[in-house]
N, C-alpha and C. Protein backbone atom coordinates (compact mmCIF):
# COMPACT_ATOMS: atom_id res chain seq x y z
N UNK A 1 2.53 9.45 8.73
CA UNK A 1 2.43 9.26 10.16
C UNK A 1 2.58 7.77 10.46
N UNK A 2 3.25 7.47 11.51
CA UNK A 2 3.47 6.09 11.93
C UNK A 2 2.60 5.80 13.15
N UNK A 3 1.89 4.71 13.12
CA UNK A 3 0.99 4.34 14.21
C UNK A 3 1.51 3.07 14.88
N UNK A 4 1.59 3.10 16.20
CA UNK A 4 2.02 1.93 16.95
C UNK A 4 0.89 0.94 17.11
N UNK A 5 1.18 -0.32 16.88
CA UNK A 5 0.18 -1.39 16.98
C UNK A 5 0.65 -2.42 18.01
N UNK A 6 -0.21 -2.76 18.96
CA UNK A 6 0.16 -3.79 19.94
C UNK A 6 0.17 -5.19 19.31
N UNK A 7 1.19 -5.95 19.64
CA UNK A 7 1.29 -7.35 19.21
C UNK A 7 1.67 -8.20 20.41
N UNK A 8 1.07 -9.39 20.49
CA UNK A 8 1.43 -10.37 21.54
C UNK A 8 2.40 -11.35 20.93
N UNK A 9 3.53 -11.55 21.59
CA UNK A 9 4.57 -12.45 21.09
C UNK A 9 4.09 -13.90 21.20
N UNK A 10 4.17 -14.62 20.08
CA UNK A 10 3.80 -16.04 20.05
C UNK A 10 5.02 -16.93 20.25
N UNK A 11 6.10 -16.58 19.56
CA UNK A 11 7.35 -17.34 19.65
C UNK A 11 8.50 -16.41 19.32
N UNK A 12 9.69 -16.81 19.76
CA UNK A 12 10.85 -15.95 19.54
C UNK A 12 12.06 -16.81 19.22
N UNK A 13 12.86 -16.32 18.28
CA UNK A 13 14.14 -16.93 17.95
C UNK A 13 15.16 -15.80 17.92
N UNK A 14 15.88 -15.64 19.01
CA UNK A 14 16.81 -14.52 19.11
C UNK A 14 16.06 -13.21 19.16
N UNK A 15 16.34 -12.34 18.21
CA UNK A 15 15.70 -11.03 18.16
C UNK A 15 14.64 -10.95 17.07
N UNK A 16 14.13 -12.09 16.67
CA UNK A 16 13.04 -12.16 15.71
C UNK A 16 11.89 -12.92 16.37
N UNK A 17 10.69 -12.34 16.30
CA UNK A 17 9.54 -12.97 16.95
C UNK A 17 8.39 -13.11 15.97
N UNK A 18 7.59 -14.09 16.22
CA UNK A 18 6.31 -14.25 15.52
C UNK A 18 5.28 -13.72 16.50
N UNK A 19 4.39 -12.83 16.05
CA UNK A 19 3.45 -12.18 16.96
C UNK A 19 2.10 -12.02 16.29
N UNK A 20 1.08 -11.75 17.11
CA UNK A 20 -0.29 -11.60 16.62
C UNK A 20 -0.89 -10.32 17.21
N UNK A 21 -1.66 -9.60 16.38
CA UNK A 21 -2.32 -8.39 16.88
C UNK A 21 -3.73 -8.73 17.34
N UNK A 22 -4.48 -7.73 17.79
CA UNK A 22 -5.82 -7.95 18.34
C UNK A 22 -6.80 -8.47 17.30
N UNK A 23 -6.51 -8.26 16.02
CA UNK A 23 -7.39 -8.74 14.95
C UNK A 23 -7.02 -10.15 14.49
N UNK A 24 -5.99 -10.75 15.11
CA UNK A 24 -5.58 -12.10 14.74
C UNK A 24 -4.58 -12.16 13.60
N UNK A 25 -4.08 -11.01 13.18
CA UNK A 25 -3.11 -10.96 12.08
C UNK A 25 -1.72 -11.27 12.62
N UNK A 26 -1.06 -12.24 12.05
CA UNK A 26 0.29 -12.61 12.48
C UNK A 26 1.34 -11.91 11.63
N UNK A 27 2.42 -11.52 12.30
CA UNK A 27 3.54 -10.88 11.62
C UNK A 27 4.85 -11.30 12.26
N UNK A 28 5.92 -11.11 11.52
CA UNK A 28 7.26 -11.27 12.06
C UNK A 28 7.68 -9.91 12.60
N UNK A 29 8.16 -9.88 13.84
CA UNK A 29 8.51 -8.64 14.52
C UNK A 29 10.01 -8.64 14.83
N UNK A 30 10.65 -7.52 14.55
CA UNK A 30 12.07 -7.32 14.86
C UNK A 30 12.18 -6.81 16.30
N UNK A 31 12.95 -7.50 17.14
CA UNK A 31 13.12 -7.13 18.54
C UNK A 31 14.47 -6.44 18.81
N UNK A 32 15.13 -5.99 17.77
CA UNK A 32 16.46 -5.38 17.94
C UNK A 32 16.46 -4.17 18.86
N UNK A 33 15.39 -3.39 18.86
CA UNK A 33 15.34 -2.17 19.66
C UNK A 33 14.94 -2.42 21.11
N UNK A 34 14.34 -3.58 21.39
CA UNK A 34 13.87 -3.87 22.74
C UNK A 34 14.67 -4.95 23.44
N UNK A 35 15.34 -5.77 22.68
CA UNK A 35 15.93 -6.97 23.25
C UNK A 35 14.84 -8.04 23.32
N UNK A 36 15.18 -9.21 23.84
CA UNK A 36 14.23 -10.31 23.86
C UNK A 36 12.96 -9.97 24.65
N UNK A 37 11.82 -10.30 24.07
CA UNK A 37 10.52 -10.22 24.74
C UNK A 37 9.95 -11.63 24.72
N UNK A 38 9.59 -12.13 25.87
CA UNK A 38 9.17 -13.52 25.98
C UNK A 38 7.78 -13.78 25.39
N UNK A 39 7.55 -14.99 24.89
CA UNK A 39 6.22 -15.36 24.39
C UNK A 39 5.15 -15.11 25.44
N UNK A 40 4.02 -14.58 24.98
CA UNK A 40 2.91 -14.24 25.86
C UNK A 40 2.89 -12.77 26.23
N UNK A 41 4.05 -12.09 26.13
CA UNK A 41 4.12 -10.67 26.47
C UNK A 41 3.68 -9.83 25.27
N UNK A 42 3.32 -8.60 25.56
CA UNK A 42 2.88 -7.65 24.54
C UNK A 42 3.97 -6.63 24.25
N UNK A 43 4.00 -6.14 23.01
CA UNK A 43 4.91 -5.07 22.64
C UNK A 43 4.18 -4.10 21.72
N UNK A 44 4.64 -2.88 21.70
CA UNK A 44 4.12 -1.87 20.79
C UNK A 44 5.07 -1.81 19.60
N UNK A 45 4.52 -2.01 18.41
CA UNK A 45 5.36 -2.08 17.21
C UNK A 45 5.08 -0.93 16.26
N UNK A 46 6.11 -0.53 15.54
CA UNK A 46 6.01 0.48 14.50
C UNK A 46 6.73 -0.08 13.28
N UNK A 47 5.99 -0.24 12.19
CA UNK A 47 6.58 -0.71 10.94
C UNK A 47 7.35 -2.02 11.12
N UNK A 48 6.79 -2.94 11.89
CA UNK A 48 7.38 -4.27 12.05
C UNK A 48 8.49 -4.38 13.07
N UNK A 49 8.77 -3.29 13.80
CA UNK A 49 9.81 -3.32 14.82
C UNK A 49 9.20 -3.00 16.18
N UNK A 50 9.48 -3.84 17.17
CA UNK A 50 9.02 -3.57 18.52
C UNK A 50 9.79 -2.38 19.08
N UNK A 51 9.08 -1.45 19.71
CA UNK A 51 9.73 -0.28 20.31
C UNK A 51 9.75 -0.35 21.82
N UNK A 52 8.76 -1.07 22.42
CA UNK A 52 8.74 -1.22 23.87
C UNK A 52 7.79 -2.35 24.25
N UNK A 53 8.08 -2.98 25.38
CA UNK A 53 7.17 -3.96 25.96
C UNK A 53 6.07 -3.17 26.67
N UNK A 54 4.83 -3.64 26.57
CA UNK A 54 3.71 -2.95 27.22
C UNK A 54 2.88 -3.96 28.00
N UNK A 55 2.06 -3.45 28.90
CA UNK A 55 1.20 -4.32 29.71
C UNK A 55 0.01 -4.79 28.88
N UNK A 56 -0.61 -5.90 29.29
CA UNK A 56 -1.82 -6.35 28.59
C UNK A 56 -2.92 -5.28 28.61
N UNK A 57 -3.00 -4.51 29.70
CA UNK A 57 -4.02 -3.45 29.79
C UNK A 57 -3.75 -2.34 28.78
N UNK A 58 -2.49 -1.95 28.65
CA UNK A 58 -2.14 -0.93 27.67
C UNK A 58 -2.38 -1.44 26.25
N UNK A 59 -2.09 -2.70 26.01
CA UNK A 59 -2.35 -3.30 24.70
C UNK A 59 -3.84 -3.27 24.38
N UNK A 60 -4.67 -3.59 25.36
CA UNK A 60 -6.13 -3.60 25.15
C UNK A 60 -6.64 -2.19 24.87
N UNK A 61 -6.17 -1.20 25.64
CA UNK A 61 -6.61 0.19 25.43
C UNK A 61 -6.18 0.69 24.04
N UNK A 62 -4.96 0.40 23.66
CA UNK A 62 -4.46 0.85 22.37
C UNK A 62 -5.19 0.16 21.23
N UNK A 63 -5.43 -1.13 21.36
CA UNK A 63 -6.18 -1.87 20.33
C UNK A 63 -7.60 -1.33 20.19
N UNK A 64 -8.24 -1.01 21.32
CA UNK A 64 -9.60 -0.45 21.28
C UNK A 64 -9.60 0.92 20.60
N UNK A 65 -8.59 1.73 20.88
CA UNK A 65 -8.49 3.04 20.25
C UNK A 65 -8.30 2.91 18.73
N UNK A 66 -7.45 1.98 18.32
CA UNK A 66 -7.24 1.77 16.88
C UNK A 66 -8.52 1.27 16.21
N UNK A 67 -9.26 0.39 16.86
CA UNK A 67 -10.53 -0.10 16.31
C UNK A 67 -11.54 1.05 16.20
N UNK A 68 -11.57 1.93 17.18
CA UNK A 68 -12.48 3.08 17.14
C UNK A 68 -12.13 4.01 16.00
N UNK A 69 -10.84 4.25 15.79
CA UNK A 69 -10.42 5.10 14.67
C UNK A 69 -10.81 4.49 13.33
N UNK A 70 -10.63 3.16 13.20
CA UNK A 70 -11.06 2.49 11.96
C UNK A 70 -12.55 2.67 11.76
N UNK A 71 -13.33 2.52 12.83
CA UNK A 71 -14.78 2.68 12.76
C UNK A 71 -15.14 4.10 12.32
N UNK A 72 -14.50 5.10 12.92
CA UNK A 72 -14.79 6.49 12.56
C UNK A 72 -14.44 6.78 11.11
N UNK A 73 -13.35 6.22 10.62
CA UNK A 73 -12.95 6.44 9.23
C UNK A 73 -13.96 5.82 8.26
N UNK A 74 -14.70 4.81 8.74
CA UNK A 74 -15.71 4.17 7.91
C UNK A 74 -17.11 4.74 8.15
N UNK A 75 -17.17 5.84 8.91
CA UNK A 75 -18.44 6.49 9.16
C UNK A 75 -19.16 6.04 10.42
N UNK A 76 -18.54 5.18 11.21
CA UNK A 76 -19.16 4.70 12.44
C UNK A 76 -18.78 5.57 13.62
N UNK A 77 -19.14 5.10 14.80
CA UNK A 77 -18.87 5.84 16.02
C UNK A 77 -17.59 5.39 16.70
N UNK A 78 -17.20 6.14 17.73
CA UNK A 78 -16.00 5.82 18.50
C UNK A 78 -16.28 4.87 19.65
N UNK A 79 -17.54 4.70 20.02
CA UNK A 79 -17.85 3.86 21.17
C UNK A 79 -17.24 4.45 22.43
N UNK A 80 -16.76 3.61 23.32
CA UNK A 80 -16.16 4.10 24.56
C UNK A 80 -14.64 3.95 24.57
N UNK A 81 -14.04 3.85 23.38
CA UNK A 81 -12.59 3.60 23.28
C UNK A 81 -11.74 4.71 23.87
N UNK A 82 -12.28 5.92 23.95
CA UNK A 82 -11.50 7.05 24.48
C UNK A 82 -12.07 7.56 25.79
N UNK A 83 -12.82 6.70 26.47
CA UNK A 83 -13.45 7.08 27.73
C UNK A 83 -12.44 7.60 28.76
N UNK A 84 -11.27 6.96 28.83
CA UNK A 84 -10.25 7.40 29.80
C UNK A 84 -9.77 8.81 29.51
N UNK A 85 -9.66 9.18 28.24
CA UNK A 85 -9.22 10.53 27.89
C UNK A 85 -10.34 11.55 28.09
N UNK A 86 -11.57 11.17 27.76
CA UNK A 86 -12.70 12.07 27.92
C UNK A 86 -12.93 12.41 29.38
N UNK A 87 -12.72 11.45 30.26
CA UNK A 87 -12.94 11.66 31.69
C UNK A 87 -11.92 12.61 32.29
N UNK A 88 -10.69 12.56 31.80
CA UNK A 88 -9.64 13.39 32.40
C UNK A 88 -9.52 14.76 31.76
N UNK A 89 -9.93 14.91 30.52
CA UNK A 89 -9.78 16.18 29.83
C UNK A 89 -8.34 16.44 29.47
N UNK A 90 -8.10 17.54 28.76
CA UNK A 90 -6.72 17.85 28.36
C UNK A 90 -5.88 18.27 29.57
N UNK A 91 -4.60 18.02 29.51
CA UNK A 91 -3.68 18.40 30.58
C UNK A 91 -2.44 19.06 29.97
N UNK A 92 -1.95 20.07 30.66
CA UNK A 92 -0.72 20.71 30.22
C UNK A 92 0.48 19.83 30.56
N UNK A 93 1.54 19.90 29.76
CA UNK A 93 2.78 19.23 30.15
C UNK A 93 3.27 19.83 31.48
N UNK A 94 3.99 19.04 32.27
CA UNK A 94 4.41 19.50 33.61
C UNK A 94 5.10 20.86 33.62
N UNK A 95 6.00 21.14 32.65
CA UNK A 95 6.71 22.42 32.67
C UNK A 95 5.78 23.60 32.42
N UNK A 96 4.74 23.42 31.59
CA UNK A 96 3.78 24.50 31.37
C UNK A 96 2.83 24.66 32.55
N UNK A 97 2.43 23.56 33.17
CA UNK A 97 1.58 23.63 34.36
C UNK A 97 2.30 24.37 35.48
N UNK A 98 3.60 24.10 35.65
CA UNK A 98 4.39 24.79 36.67
C UNK A 98 4.50 26.28 36.37
N UNK A 99 4.71 26.63 35.11
CA UNK A 99 4.81 28.04 34.73
C UNK A 99 3.48 28.74 34.97
N UNK A 100 2.38 28.11 34.63
CA UNK A 100 1.06 28.69 34.85
C UNK A 100 0.79 28.87 36.34
N UNK A 101 1.16 27.87 37.14
CA UNK A 101 0.97 27.96 38.60
C UNK A 101 1.82 29.07 39.20
N UNK A 102 2.95 29.38 38.57
CA UNK A 102 3.82 30.44 39.06
C UNK A 102 3.38 31.82 38.56
N UNK A 103 2.29 31.85 37.78
CA UNK A 103 1.76 33.13 37.30
C UNK A 103 2.35 33.62 36.01
N UNK A 104 3.14 32.79 35.34
CA UNK A 104 3.73 33.20 34.05
C UNK A 104 2.77 32.89 32.92
N UNK A 105 2.87 33.67 31.86
CA UNK A 105 2.05 33.46 30.66
C UNK A 105 2.61 32.27 29.89
N UNK A 106 1.78 31.30 29.58
CA UNK A 106 2.25 30.11 28.86
C UNK A 106 1.80 30.10 27.41
N UNK A 107 1.16 31.18 26.96
CA UNK A 107 0.66 31.22 25.58
C UNK A 107 1.76 31.52 24.60
């Protein structure tokens, strides 16, 4: 399984960037899939390659979720890292919600 990790761009030279994650770990990031991302901006990376630019808020939520998962794997708690998901509950994809609203069986 591949997990996306938020990184903040520190510097960029063409399509190669130096970036830092929420834990302070620096890495070289490939920007070939996103195009240039300016220093100070956040991106979601998979295996050293940026896949999309993200907002600072999305980066913070994702970093908190990853920290909670690390904590759970070590026997700790999740804290409030998934509060936004717990508050909303599960949701059907739009096409299934429409089918259910139309009275069709979605099972």
